Amino acid sequence: MSKSRLFKWRHFLPAIIIRCVRWYCRYSLRYRDVEELAHERGLRVDHSTVYRWFQAYCPQLDKRCRRHLRPSSDSWRVDEVYVKVKGY
């Protein structure tokens, strides 16, 4: 889907929408926290609008960003740690 069709009929600029969705995904914020961050920057955005943006654009962003990420292996290594609990 092209960028022009992806953001068609939206009241906010695509950069604002992407930034709010990125804040929500990257920093584990609540929708109301993103609303507050936008308000501090002079934007009047409701938390339910941020929720709708997340539902609409997060799958598209994931699909577009996933191809640029380095693949990780399935092998994980964990060091052993011994913790003494109540004298045992």
N, C-alpha and C. Protein backbone atom coordinates (compact mmCIF):
# COMPACT_ATOMS: atom_id res chain seq x y z
N MET A 1 0.85 -1.17 0.00
CA MET A 1 0.00 0.00 0.00
C MET A 1 0.89 1.24 0.00
N SER A 2 0.62 2.19 -0.85
CA SER A 2 1.45 3.39 -0.94
C SER A 2 1.19 4.31 0.25
N LYS A 3 2.16 5.19 0.48
CA LYS A 3 2.07 6.10 1.61
C LYS A 3 0.86 7.02 1.49
N SER A 4 0.59 7.49 0.28
CA SER A 4 -0.53 8.41 0.10
C SER A 4 -1.87 7.73 0.41
N ARG A 5 -2.01 6.46 0.04
CA ARG A 5 -3.24 5.73 0.34
C ARG A 5 -3.32 5.32 1.80
N LEU A 6 -2.16 5.07 2.40
CA LEU A 6 -2.12 4.64 3.79
C LEU A 6 -2.65 5.72 4.74
N PHE A 7 -2.36 6.97 4.45
CA PHE A 7 -2.75 8.08 5.33
C PHE A 7 -3.90 8.92 4.76
N LYS A 8 -4.61 8.39 3.80
CA LYS A 8 -5.70 9.13 3.19
C LYS A 8 -6.83 9.35 4.20
N TRP A 9 -7.43 10.52 4.17
CA TRP A 9 -8.55 10.93 5.01
C TRP A 9 -8.19 11.09 6.48
N ARG A 10 -6.93 11.29 6.79
CA ARG A 10 -6.53 11.52 8.19
C ARG A 10 -6.41 13.02 8.43
N HIS A 11 -6.73 13.45 9.64
CA HIS A 11 -6.70 14.87 9.98
C HIS A 11 -5.32 15.35 10.40
N PHE A 12 -4.42 14.41 10.70
CA PHE A 12 -3.08 14.76 11.13
C PHE A 12 -2.07 14.37 10.06
N LEU A 13 -0.93 15.03 10.10
CA LEU A 13 0.14 14.71 9.15
C LEU A 13 0.68 13.31 9.43
N PRO A 14 1.15 12.62 8.40
CA PRO A 14 1.71 11.27 8.61
C PRO A 14 2.85 11.24 9.62
N ALA A 15 3.68 12.28 9.65
CA ALA A 15 4.80 12.31 10.59
C ALA A 15 4.31 12.31 12.04
N ILE A 16 3.22 12.99 12.31
CA ILE A 16 2.67 13.03 13.67
C ILE A 16 2.11 11.66 14.05
N ILE A 17 1.40 11.05 13.13
CA ILE A 17 0.82 9.73 13.40
C ILE A 17 1.92 8.71 13.67
N ILE A 18 2.92 8.69 12.81
CA ILE A 18 4.03 7.74 12.96
C ILE A 18 4.77 7.98 14.28
N ARG A 19 4.99 9.23 14.63
CA ARG A 19 5.70 9.53 15.87
C ARG A 19 4.91 9.03 17.08
N CYS A 20 3.61 9.25 17.11
CA CYS A 20 2.80 8.79 18.24
C CYS A 20 2.78 7.26 18.34
N VAL A 21 2.66 6.60 17.20
CA VAL A 21 2.69 5.14 17.21
C VAL A 21 4.06 4.64 17.66
N ARG A 22 5.12 5.30 17.21
CA ARG A 22 6.47 4.91 17.62
C ARG A 22 6.66 5.09 19.13
N TRP A 23 6.19 6.20 19.69
CA TRP A 23 6.29 6.41 21.14
C TRP A 23 5.61 5.27 21.88
N TYR A 24 4.41 4.91 21.42
CA TYR A 24 3.67 3.86 22.10
C TYR A 24 4.41 2.52 22.03
N CYS A 25 4.95 2.20 20.88
CA CYS A 25 5.63 0.90 20.71
C CYS A 25 6.99 0.88 21.40
N ARG A 26 7.76 1.92 21.25
CA ARG A 26 9.14 1.92 21.71
C ARG A 26 9.27 2.04 23.22
N TYR A 27 8.45 2.88 23.84
CA TYR A 27 8.65 3.20 25.24
C TYR A 27 7.63 2.56 26.17
N SER A 28 6.83 1.63 25.69
CA SER A 28 5.83 0.93 26.51
C SER A 28 4.96 1.91 27.29
N LEU A 29 4.41 2.87 26.60
CA LEU A 29 3.55 3.87 27.22
C LEU A 29 2.09 3.46 27.08
N ARG A 30 1.26 4.05 27.92
CA ARG A 30 -0.18 3.89 27.76
C ARG A 30 -0.64 4.91 26.72
N TYR A 31 -1.85 4.70 26.20
CA TYR A 31 -2.39 5.63 25.20
C TYR A 31 -2.55 7.03 25.79
N ARG A 32 -2.90 7.09 27.05
CA ARG A 32 -3.04 8.40 27.70
C ARG A 32 -1.69 9.08 27.89
N ASP A 33 -0.62 8.31 28.06
CA ASP A 33 0.72 8.89 28.15
C ASP A 33 1.12 9.51 26.80
N VAL A 34 0.80 8.82 25.72
CA VAL A 34 1.10 9.36 24.39
C VAL A 34 0.27 10.62 24.14
N GLU A 35 -0.97 10.60 24.60
CA GLU A 35 -1.82 11.79 24.49
C GLU A 35 -1.18 12.97 25.22
N GLU A 36 -0.64 12.72 26.41
CA GLU A 36 0.00 13.77 27.20
C GLU A 36 1.28 14.27 26.52
N LEU A 37 2.09 13.36 25.97
CA LEU A 37 3.29 13.78 25.25
C LEU A 37 2.95 14.65 24.05
N ALA A 38 1.91 14.27 23.32
CA ALA A 38 1.48 15.07 22.17
C ALA A 38 0.98 16.44 22.62
N HIS A 39 0.24 16.45 23.73
CA HIS A 39 -0.27 17.72 24.25
C HIS A 39 0.87 18.66 24.66
N GLU A 40 1.94 18.11 25.24
CA GLU A 40 3.11 18.92 25.61
C GLU A 40 3.77 19.54 24.39
N ARG A 41 3.56 18.93 23.23
CA ARG A 41 4.14 19.45 21.99
C ARG A 41 3.14 20.26 21.18
N GLY A 42 2.01 20.60 21.78
CA GLY A 42 1.04 21.47 21.15
C GLY A 42 0.02 20.77 20.27
N LEU A 43 -0.12 19.46 20.38
CA LEU A 43 -1.08 18.71 19.57
C LEU A 43 -2.24 18.26 20.45
N ARG A 44 -3.44 18.46 19.97
CA ARG A 44 -4.63 18.00 20.70
C ARG A 44 -5.06 16.67 20.10
N VAL A 45 -4.62 15.57 20.72
CA VAL A 45 -4.92 14.22 20.26
C VAL A 45 -5.54 13.46 21.42
N ASP A 46 -6.64 12.80 21.15
CA ASP A 46 -7.29 12.00 22.19
C ASP A 46 -6.65 10.61 22.24
N HIS A 47 -6.69 9.99 23.42
CA HIS A 47 -6.08 8.67 23.56
C HIS A 47 -6.77 7.62 22.70
N SER A 48 -8.07 7.78 22.46
CA SER A 48 -8.76 6.82 21.59
C SER A 48 -8.30 6.96 20.14
N THR A 49 -7.90 8.15 19.74
CA THR A 49 -7.34 8.35 18.40
C THR A 49 -6.01 7.64 18.28
N VAL A 50 -5.19 7.74 19.33
CA VAL A 50 -3.89 7.05 19.33
C VAL A 50 -4.12 5.54 19.25
N TYR A 51 -5.13 5.05 19.94
CA TYR A 51 -5.47 3.62 19.88
C TYR A 51 -5.83 3.21 18.46
N ARG A 52 -6.65 4.01 17.79
CA ARG A 52 -7.04 3.68 16.41
C ARG A 52 -5.84 3.74 15.48
N TRP A 53 -4.94 4.70 15.70
CA TRP A 53 -3.72 4.77 14.88
C TRP A 53 -2.88 3.52 15.09
N PHE A 54 -2.75 3.10 16.33
CA PHE A 54 -1.96 1.91 16.61
C PHE A 54 -2.55 0.69 15.92
N GLN A 55 -3.85 0.52 16.00
CA GLN A 55 -4.51 -0.61 15.36
C GLN A 55 -4.35 -0.58 13.84
N ALA A 56 -4.35 0.60 13.26
CA ALA A 56 -4.30 0.72 11.80
C ALA A 56 -2.87 0.64 11.26
N TYR A 57 -1.91 1.26 11.94
CA TYR A 57 -0.59 1.43 11.35
C TYR A 57 0.48 0.51 11.90
N CYS A 58 0.30 -0.07 13.05
CA CYS A 58 1.34 -0.94 13.61
C CYS A 58 1.62 -2.16 12.73
N PRO A 59 0.62 -2.85 12.20
CA PRO A 59 0.94 -3.98 11.32
C PRO A 59 1.72 -3.55 10.06
N GLN A 60 1.38 -2.39 9.50
CA GLN A 60 2.09 -1.90 8.33
C GLN A 60 3.54 -1.54 8.67
N LEU A 61 3.74 -0.88 9.82
CA LEU A 61 5.09 -0.52 10.23
C LEU A 61 5.93 -1.76 10.50
N ASP A 62 5.32 -2.75 11.14
CA ASP A 62 6.04 -3.99 11.43
C ASP A 62 6.47 -4.67 10.13
N LYS A 63 5.58 -4.72 9.17
CA LYS A 63 5.88 -5.37 7.90
C LYS A 63 6.99 -4.64 7.15
N ARG A 64 7.00 -3.31 7.21
CA ARG A 64 8.00 -2.53 6.49
C ARG A 64 9.36 -2.52 7.21
N CYS A 65 9.35 -2.57 8.54
CA CYS A 65 10.61 -2.52 9.29
C CYS A 65 11.26 -3.89 9.44
N ARG A 66 10.47 -4.95 9.43
CA ARG A 66 10.96 -6.29 9.67
C ARG A 66 12.06 -6.69 8.68
N ARG A 67 11.95 -6.27 7.43
CA ARG A 67 12.95 -6.66 6.42
C ARG A 67 14.31 -5.99 6.63
N HIS A 68 14.35 -4.90 7.41
CA HIS A 68 15.60 -4.21 7.66
C HIS A 68 16.32 -4.69 8.92
N LEU A 69 15.66 -5.52 9.72
CA LEU A 69 16.26 -6.02 10.95
C LEU A 69 17.14 -7.23 10.66
N ARG A 70 18.18 -7.37 11.43
CA ARG A 70 19.05 -8.53 11.30
C ARG A 70 18.36 -9.75 11.90
N PRO A 71 18.43 -10.88 11.23
CA PRO A 71 17.82 -12.08 11.81
C PRO A 71 18.61 -12.55 13.03
N SER A 72 17.89 -13.04 14.01
CA SER A 72 18.55 -13.58 15.20
C SER A 72 18.51 -15.10 15.12
N SER A 73 19.43 -15.72 15.83
CA SER A 73 19.48 -17.18 15.82
C SER A 73 18.54 -17.74 16.88
N ASP A 74 18.28 -19.02 16.81
CA ASP A 74 17.41 -19.68 17.78
C ASP A 74 18.18 -20.17 19.00
N SER A 75 19.50 -20.00 19.00
CA SER A 75 20.33 -20.49 20.09
C SER A 75 20.48 -19.42 21.17
N TRP A 76 20.22 -19.81 22.41
CA TRP A 76 20.36 -18.90 23.55
C TRP A 76 21.25 -19.56 24.59
N ARG A 77 22.11 -18.80 25.21
CA ARG A 77 22.98 -19.32 26.26
C ARG A 77 22.75 -18.51 27.53
N VAL A 78 22.64 -19.24 28.63
CA VAL A 78 22.39 -18.61 29.92
C VAL A 78 23.44 -19.09 30.90
N ASP A 79 24.04 -18.15 31.63
CA ASP A 79 25.00 -18.52 32.67
C ASP A 79 24.23 -19.05 33.88
N GLU A 80 24.86 -20.00 34.55
CA GLU A 80 24.24 -20.53 35.75
C GLU A 80 24.54 -19.61 36.92
N VAL A 81 23.52 -19.36 37.72
CA VAL A 81 23.67 -18.50 38.89
C VAL A 81 23.12 -19.28 40.09
N TYR A 82 23.89 -19.31 41.14
CA TYR A 82 23.46 -19.99 42.37
C TYR A 82 23.08 -18.93 43.39
N VAL A 83 21.90 -19.05 43.95
CA VAL A 83 21.43 -18.13 44.94
C VAL A 83 21.13 -18.91 46.21
N LYS A 84 21.72 -18.49 47.30
CA LYS A 84 21.50 -19.15 48.58
C LYS A 84 20.28 -18.55 49.25
N VAL A 85 19.28 -19.41 49.54
CA VAL A 85 18.03 -18.93 50.11
C VAL A 85 17.85 -19.54 51.49
N LYS A 86 17.85 -18.73 52.51
CA LYS A 86 17.62 -19.14 53.90
C LYS A 86 18.47 -20.34 54.31
N GLY A 87 19.74 -20.32 53.98
CA GLY A 87 20.66 -21.33 54.44
C GLY A 87 20.65 -22.64 53.68
N TYR A 88 19.88 -22.80 52.66
CA TYR A 88 19.85 -24.06 51.90
C TYR A 88 20.95 -24.12 50.89
